[in-house]
N, C-alpha and C. Protein backbone atom coordinates (compact mmCIF):
# COMPACT_ATOMS: atom_id res chain seq x y z
N MET A 1 130.16 80.21 85.60
CA MET A 1 130.69 81.52 85.30
C MET A 1 131.38 81.43 83.95
N VAL A 2 131.20 82.44 83.14
CA VAL A 2 131.89 82.55 81.86
C VAL A 2 132.57 83.92 81.83
N VAL A 3 133.83 83.92 81.42
CA VAL A 3 134.61 85.15 81.38
C VAL A 3 134.62 85.69 79.95
N ALA A 4 134.22 86.93 79.80
CA ALA A 4 134.21 87.57 78.49
C ALA A 4 135.54 88.23 78.18
N GLY A 5 136.28 88.60 79.23
CA GLY A 5 137.57 89.26 79.02
C GLY A 5 138.14 89.81 80.30
N VAL A 6 139.33 90.36 80.18
CA VAL A 6 140.01 91.01 81.29
C VAL A 6 139.75 92.51 81.18
N ARG A 7 139.29 93.11 82.27
CA ARG A 7 139.03 94.55 82.26
C ARG A 7 140.26 95.34 82.69
N GLY A 8 141.02 94.78 83.66
CA GLY A 8 142.22 95.49 84.10
C GLY A 8 142.83 94.92 85.35
N GLN A 9 143.90 95.55 85.79
CA GLN A 9 144.60 95.16 87.02
C GLN A 9 144.15 96.07 88.15
N ALA A 10 143.75 95.45 89.27
CA ALA A 10 143.25 96.22 90.41
C ALA A 10 144.36 97.05 91.02
N VAL A 11 144.00 98.31 91.34
CA VAL A 11 144.90 99.22 92.04
C VAL A 11 144.58 99.15 93.53
N ASP A 12 143.29 99.18 93.83
CA ASP A 12 142.79 99.04 95.20
C ASP A 12 141.37 98.48 95.09
N ALA A 13 140.62 98.50 96.17
CA ALA A 13 139.29 97.90 96.19
C ALA A 13 138.29 98.58 95.24
N ASN A 14 138.57 99.83 94.83
CA ASN A 14 137.61 100.58 94.02
C ASN A 14 138.11 101.00 92.65
N ARG A 15 139.38 100.75 92.35
CA ARG A 15 139.93 101.24 91.08
C ARG A 15 140.78 100.15 90.41
N PHE A 16 140.85 100.25 89.08
CA PHE A 16 141.73 99.35 88.34
C PHE A 16 142.31 100.09 87.14
N VAL A 17 143.46 99.61 86.68
CA VAL A 17 144.10 100.14 85.49
C VAL A 17 143.69 99.25 84.32
N ALA A 18 143.14 99.85 83.28
CA ALA A 18 142.67 99.07 82.13
C ALA A 18 143.82 98.28 81.51
N ARG A 19 143.60 97.00 81.38
CA ARG A 19 144.55 96.07 80.73
C ARG A 19 143.71 94.95 80.14
N SER A 20 144.15 94.42 79.02
CA SER A 20 143.39 93.33 78.40
C SER A 20 144.05 91.97 78.59
N GLU A 21 145.21 91.96 79.24
CA GLU A 21 145.92 90.70 79.46
C GLU A 21 146.33 90.55 80.92
N ILE A 22 146.52 89.30 81.33
CA ILE A 22 146.99 88.99 82.68
C ILE A 22 148.46 88.63 82.57
N SER A 23 149.28 89.26 83.42
CA SER A 23 150.71 88.95 83.46
C SER A 23 151.00 88.12 84.70
N VAL A 24 151.75 87.05 84.50
CA VAL A 24 152.11 86.18 85.61
C VAL A 24 153.51 86.56 86.07
N SER A 25 153.64 86.75 87.39
CA SER A 25 154.95 87.08 87.95
C SER A 25 155.01 86.54 89.38
N ALA A 26 156.15 86.72 90.01
CA ALA A 26 156.33 86.26 91.39
C ALA A 26 155.50 87.11 92.35
N THR A 27 155.15 88.31 91.96
CA THR A 27 154.36 89.21 92.79
C THR A 27 152.88 88.96 92.52
N PRO A 28 152.10 88.60 93.54
CA PRO A 28 150.66 88.40 93.33
C PRO A 28 149.97 89.68 92.87
N ARG A 29 149.05 89.52 91.94
CA ARG A 29 148.28 90.64 91.41
C ARG A 29 146.81 90.25 91.37
N THR A 30 145.96 91.25 91.44
CA THR A 30 144.52 91.03 91.35
C THR A 30 144.01 91.68 90.08
N TYR A 31 143.18 90.95 89.35
CA TYR A 31 142.63 91.46 88.10
C TYR A 31 141.11 91.52 88.17
N VAL A 32 140.54 92.44 87.41
CA VAL A 32 139.10 92.60 87.30
C VAL A 32 138.69 91.95 85.98
N LEU A 33 137.76 91.00 86.06
CA LEU A 33 137.30 90.30 84.87
C LEU A 33 135.89 90.72 84.50
N ASP A 34 135.60 90.67 83.22
CA ASP A 34 134.24 90.86 82.72
C ASP A 34 133.63 89.46 82.66
N ALA A 35 132.83 89.09 83.66
CA ALA A 35 132.34 87.72 83.78
C ALA A 35 130.83 87.71 83.99
N TYR A 36 130.22 86.59 83.57
CA TYR A 36 128.77 86.45 83.63
C TYR A 36 128.39 85.10 84.21
N CYS A 37 127.28 85.08 84.91
CA CYS A 37 126.77 83.86 85.54
C CYS A 37 126.16 82.96 84.48
N THR A 38 126.49 81.65 84.55
CA THR A 38 125.92 80.69 83.61
C THR A 38 124.84 79.81 84.24
N ASP A 39 124.57 80.02 85.52
CA ASP A 39 123.56 79.21 86.22
C ASP A 39 122.61 80.16 86.94
N PHE A 40 121.44 80.38 86.35
CA PHE A 40 120.49 81.37 86.87
C PHE A 40 120.15 81.15 88.34
N GLU A 41 120.04 79.92 88.76
CA GLU A 41 119.56 79.63 90.11
C GLU A 41 120.65 79.75 91.18
N LYS A 42 121.91 79.86 90.80
CA LYS A 42 122.97 79.95 91.80
C LYS A 42 123.11 81.38 92.32
N ASP A 43 123.56 81.50 93.58
CA ASP A 43 123.86 82.80 94.15
C ASP A 43 125.20 83.29 93.61
N ASN A 44 125.49 84.57 93.83
CA ASN A 44 126.78 85.13 93.43
C ASN A 44 127.90 84.42 94.20
N PRO A 45 129.05 84.24 93.56
CA PRO A 45 130.16 83.60 94.26
C PRO A 45 130.68 84.49 95.39
N SER A 46 131.23 83.85 96.42
CA SER A 46 131.83 84.60 97.52
C SER A 46 133.27 84.97 97.15
N ALA A 47 133.89 85.78 97.96
CA ALA A 47 135.28 86.18 97.71
C ALA A 47 136.22 84.98 97.70
N GLY A 48 135.87 83.93 98.42
CA GLY A 48 136.73 82.75 98.49
C GLY A 48 136.43 81.67 97.46
N THR A 49 135.45 81.90 96.58
CA THR A 49 135.10 80.90 95.58
C THR A 49 136.24 80.72 94.59
N GLN A 50 136.55 79.48 94.30
CA GLN A 50 137.61 79.17 93.34
C GLN A 50 136.99 78.65 92.06
N PHE A 51 137.65 78.95 90.95
CA PHE A 51 137.19 78.52 89.64
C PHE A 51 138.33 77.81 88.92
N ARG A 52 137.97 76.94 87.99
CA ARG A 52 138.94 76.30 87.11
C ARG A 52 138.63 76.73 85.69
N LEU A 53 139.67 76.93 84.90
CA LEU A 53 139.47 77.26 83.51
C LEU A 53 138.98 76.04 82.75
N GLY A 54 138.05 76.25 81.86
CA GLY A 54 137.52 75.17 81.05
C GLY A 54 137.67 75.51 79.58
N LYS A 55 137.10 74.69 78.75
CA LYS A 55 137.15 74.90 77.30
C LYS A 55 136.26 76.07 76.92
N VAL A 56 136.61 76.71 75.83
CA VAL A 56 135.80 77.81 75.30
C VAL A 56 134.56 77.21 74.64
N ASP A 57 133.40 77.72 75.01
CA ASP A 57 132.15 77.33 74.38
C ASP A 57 131.92 78.30 73.22
N PRO A 58 131.97 77.83 71.97
CA PRO A 58 131.84 78.75 70.83
C PRO A 58 130.53 79.55 70.84
N ALA A 59 129.44 78.94 71.28
CA ALA A 59 128.16 79.66 71.32
C ALA A 59 128.21 80.79 72.35
N LEU A 60 128.76 80.51 73.55
CA LEU A 60 128.87 81.57 74.56
C LEU A 60 129.85 82.66 74.11
N ALA A 61 130.92 82.28 73.44
CA ALA A 61 131.86 83.28 72.92
C ALA A 61 131.16 84.19 71.91
N CYS A 62 130.34 83.61 71.08
CA CYS A 62 129.56 84.38 70.10
C CYS A 62 128.61 85.34 70.81
N ILE A 63 127.89 84.83 71.81
CA ILE A 63 126.93 85.65 72.57
C ILE A 63 127.63 86.84 73.22
N LEU A 64 128.75 86.58 73.88
CA LEU A 64 129.46 87.66 74.58
C LEU A 64 130.05 88.67 73.61
N GLY A 65 130.42 88.22 72.44
CA GLY A 65 130.96 89.14 71.44
C GLY A 65 129.90 89.96 70.72
N ALA A 66 128.69 89.43 70.66
CA ALA A 66 127.62 90.10 69.91
C ALA A 66 126.79 91.06 70.74
N ALA A 67 126.69 90.82 72.03
CA ALA A 67 125.82 91.64 72.89
C ALA A 67 126.47 92.99 73.17
N SER A 68 125.65 94.02 73.25
CA SER A 68 126.16 95.38 73.37
C SER A 68 126.22 95.92 74.79
N SER A 69 125.52 95.30 75.73
CA SER A 69 125.51 95.81 77.09
C SER A 69 125.60 94.67 78.09
N THR A 70 125.94 95.00 79.31
CA THR A 70 126.03 94.00 80.38
C THR A 70 124.71 93.28 80.56
N GLU A 71 123.60 94.02 80.57
CA GLU A 71 122.29 93.41 80.78
C GLU A 71 121.93 92.44 79.65
N VAL A 72 122.19 92.85 78.41
CA VAL A 72 121.88 91.99 77.27
C VAL A 72 122.78 90.74 77.30
N LYS A 73 124.06 90.92 77.62
CA LYS A 73 124.96 89.77 77.71
C LYS A 73 124.47 88.77 78.76
N GLN A 74 124.15 89.27 79.96
CA GLN A 74 123.73 88.36 81.02
C GLN A 74 122.42 87.67 80.66
N ALA A 75 121.47 88.40 80.14
CA ALA A 75 120.19 87.79 79.76
C ALA A 75 120.41 86.74 78.67
N ALA A 76 121.23 87.05 77.68
CA ALA A 76 121.48 86.10 76.59
C ALA A 76 122.17 84.84 77.10
N VAL A 77 123.11 84.99 78.01
CA VAL A 77 123.77 83.82 78.59
C VAL A 77 122.74 82.94 79.28
N TRP A 78 121.86 83.52 80.09
CA TRP A 78 120.84 82.73 80.79
C TRP A 78 119.82 82.12 79.83
N ILE A 79 119.47 82.84 78.79
CA ILE A 79 118.56 82.27 77.78
C ILE A 79 119.20 81.02 77.18
N PHE A 80 120.48 81.13 76.87
CA PHE A 80 121.20 80.01 76.25
C PHE A 80 121.42 78.85 77.22
N THR A 81 121.89 79.15 78.43
CA THR A 81 122.27 78.07 79.35
C THR A 81 121.09 77.50 80.12
N ASP A 82 120.10 78.33 80.46
CA ASP A 82 119.01 77.88 81.35
C ASP A 82 117.62 78.01 80.75
N LYS A 83 117.53 78.49 79.51
CA LYS A 83 116.22 78.64 78.86
C LYS A 83 115.26 79.48 79.69
N VAL A 84 115.77 80.54 80.31
CA VAL A 84 114.94 81.39 81.18
C VAL A 84 113.94 82.19 80.37
N SER A 85 112.87 82.60 81.02
CA SER A 85 111.85 83.46 80.42
C SER A 85 112.15 84.92 80.78
N TYR A 86 111.49 85.80 80.06
CA TYR A 86 111.61 87.24 80.34
C TYR A 86 111.22 87.53 81.79
N ARG A 87 110.13 86.95 82.21
CA ARG A 87 109.64 87.17 83.59
C ARG A 87 110.66 86.67 84.62
N HIS A 88 111.26 85.53 84.35
CA HIS A 88 112.22 84.95 85.28
C HIS A 88 113.47 85.84 85.39
N VAL A 89 113.98 86.34 84.27
CA VAL A 89 115.14 87.24 84.29
C VAL A 89 114.82 88.48 85.11
N ASN A 90 113.63 88.99 84.97
CA ASN A 90 113.25 90.21 85.70
C ASN A 90 113.10 89.99 87.20
N GLN A 91 113.21 88.77 87.66
CA GLN A 91 113.27 88.51 89.09
C GLN A 91 114.66 88.84 89.64
N LYS A 92 115.67 88.82 88.78
CA LYS A 92 117.05 89.11 89.20
C LYS A 92 117.41 90.57 88.95
N PHE A 93 117.02 91.09 87.79
CA PHE A 93 117.27 92.50 87.47
C PHE A 93 116.29 92.96 86.40
N THR A 94 116.06 94.25 86.35
CA THR A 94 115.10 94.81 85.40
C THR A 94 115.72 94.83 84.01
N LEU A 95 114.98 94.25 83.06
CA LEU A 95 115.42 94.19 81.68
C LEU A 95 114.28 94.70 80.80
N SER A 96 114.58 95.63 79.92
CA SER A 96 113.55 96.17 79.04
C SER A 96 113.16 95.13 77.98
N GLN A 97 111.99 95.33 77.40
CA GLN A 97 111.54 94.44 76.31
C GLN A 97 112.51 94.50 75.13
N SER A 98 113.05 95.69 74.83
CA SER A 98 113.97 95.80 73.70
C SER A 98 115.29 95.07 73.98
N ASP A 99 115.78 95.12 75.23
CA ASP A 99 116.98 94.37 75.58
C ASP A 99 116.70 92.87 75.52
N TRP A 100 115.51 92.44 75.96
CA TRP A 100 115.14 91.03 75.87
C TRP A 100 115.11 90.58 74.41
N ALA A 101 114.54 91.40 73.55
CA ALA A 101 114.48 91.07 72.12
C ALA A 101 115.89 90.95 71.54
N ALA A 102 116.77 91.87 71.92
CA ALA A 102 118.16 91.81 71.45
C ALA A 102 118.83 90.53 71.94
N ALA A 103 118.63 90.19 73.20
CA ALA A 103 119.25 88.98 73.78
C ALA A 103 118.75 87.72 73.08
N THR A 104 117.45 87.62 72.85
CA THR A 104 116.91 86.42 72.21
C THR A 104 117.40 86.31 70.75
N ALA A 105 117.51 87.43 70.06
CA ALA A 105 118.02 87.41 68.68
C ALA A 105 119.47 86.95 68.64
N ILE A 106 120.27 87.41 69.59
CA ILE A 106 121.68 87.00 69.66
C ILE A 106 121.78 85.50 69.93
N VAL A 107 120.96 85.00 70.85
CA VAL A 107 121.00 83.57 71.17
C VAL A 107 120.60 82.75 69.94
N ARG A 108 119.58 83.18 69.22
CA ARG A 108 119.17 82.45 68.01
C ARG A 108 120.33 82.39 67.02
N LYS A 109 121.01 83.51 66.84
CA LYS A 109 122.14 83.58 65.91
C LYS A 109 123.31 82.71 66.38
N CYS A 110 123.63 82.78 67.65
CA CYS A 110 124.83 82.10 68.18
C CYS A 110 124.60 80.64 68.51
N ALA A 111 123.37 80.22 68.68
CA ALA A 111 123.08 78.83 69.04
C ALA A 111 123.51 77.88 67.92
N GLU A 112 123.69 78.40 66.70
CA GLU A 112 124.17 77.57 65.60
C GLU A 112 125.49 76.91 65.94
N PHE A 113 126.33 77.61 66.72
CA PHE A 113 127.63 77.08 67.07
C PHE A 113 127.51 75.81 67.90
N LYS A 114 126.46 75.69 68.71
CA LYS A 114 126.26 74.50 69.54
C LYS A 114 125.97 73.28 68.69
N THR A 115 125.29 73.49 67.58
CA THR A 115 124.92 72.36 66.72
C THR A 115 125.91 72.16 65.59
N GLY A 116 127.00 72.93 65.59
CA GLY A 116 128.03 72.74 64.57
C GLY A 116 127.77 73.54 63.31
N GLY A 117 126.79 74.44 63.34
CA GLY A 117 126.50 75.25 62.17
C GLY A 117 127.51 76.36 61.99
N SER A 118 127.35 77.11 60.94
CA SER A 118 128.26 78.24 60.70
C SER A 118 127.64 79.53 61.18
N LYS A 119 128.39 80.58 61.17
CA LYS A 119 127.98 81.86 61.73
C LYS A 119 127.47 82.79 60.63
N ASN A 120 126.47 82.44 59.89
CA ASN A 120 125.96 83.33 58.84
C ASN A 120 124.66 83.95 59.22
């Protein structure tokens, strides 16, 4: 799982108040995150799944910052992490050819970060 950002603080099961930061206090709070799967073959996490924070991957940060929609972000993440094909992505959700083209272009641009290149 890779987190792109904080969407807000949950009000109830169906609503949240937009916030971009998490506040730590003695009172437990629930936050809604903008997150994407990094392992195509894994199922969605359950409510009880726990995660640990890891280092920021510069290439994934670039991908999440460059993509314009949820579908393009998710496809680009899978292209980068799992080398998935267009056909394989469409087994999970429908993606247009233009969104696929956008995702692959973003990955080509951002993959430079993995090899230590610059962002030009």
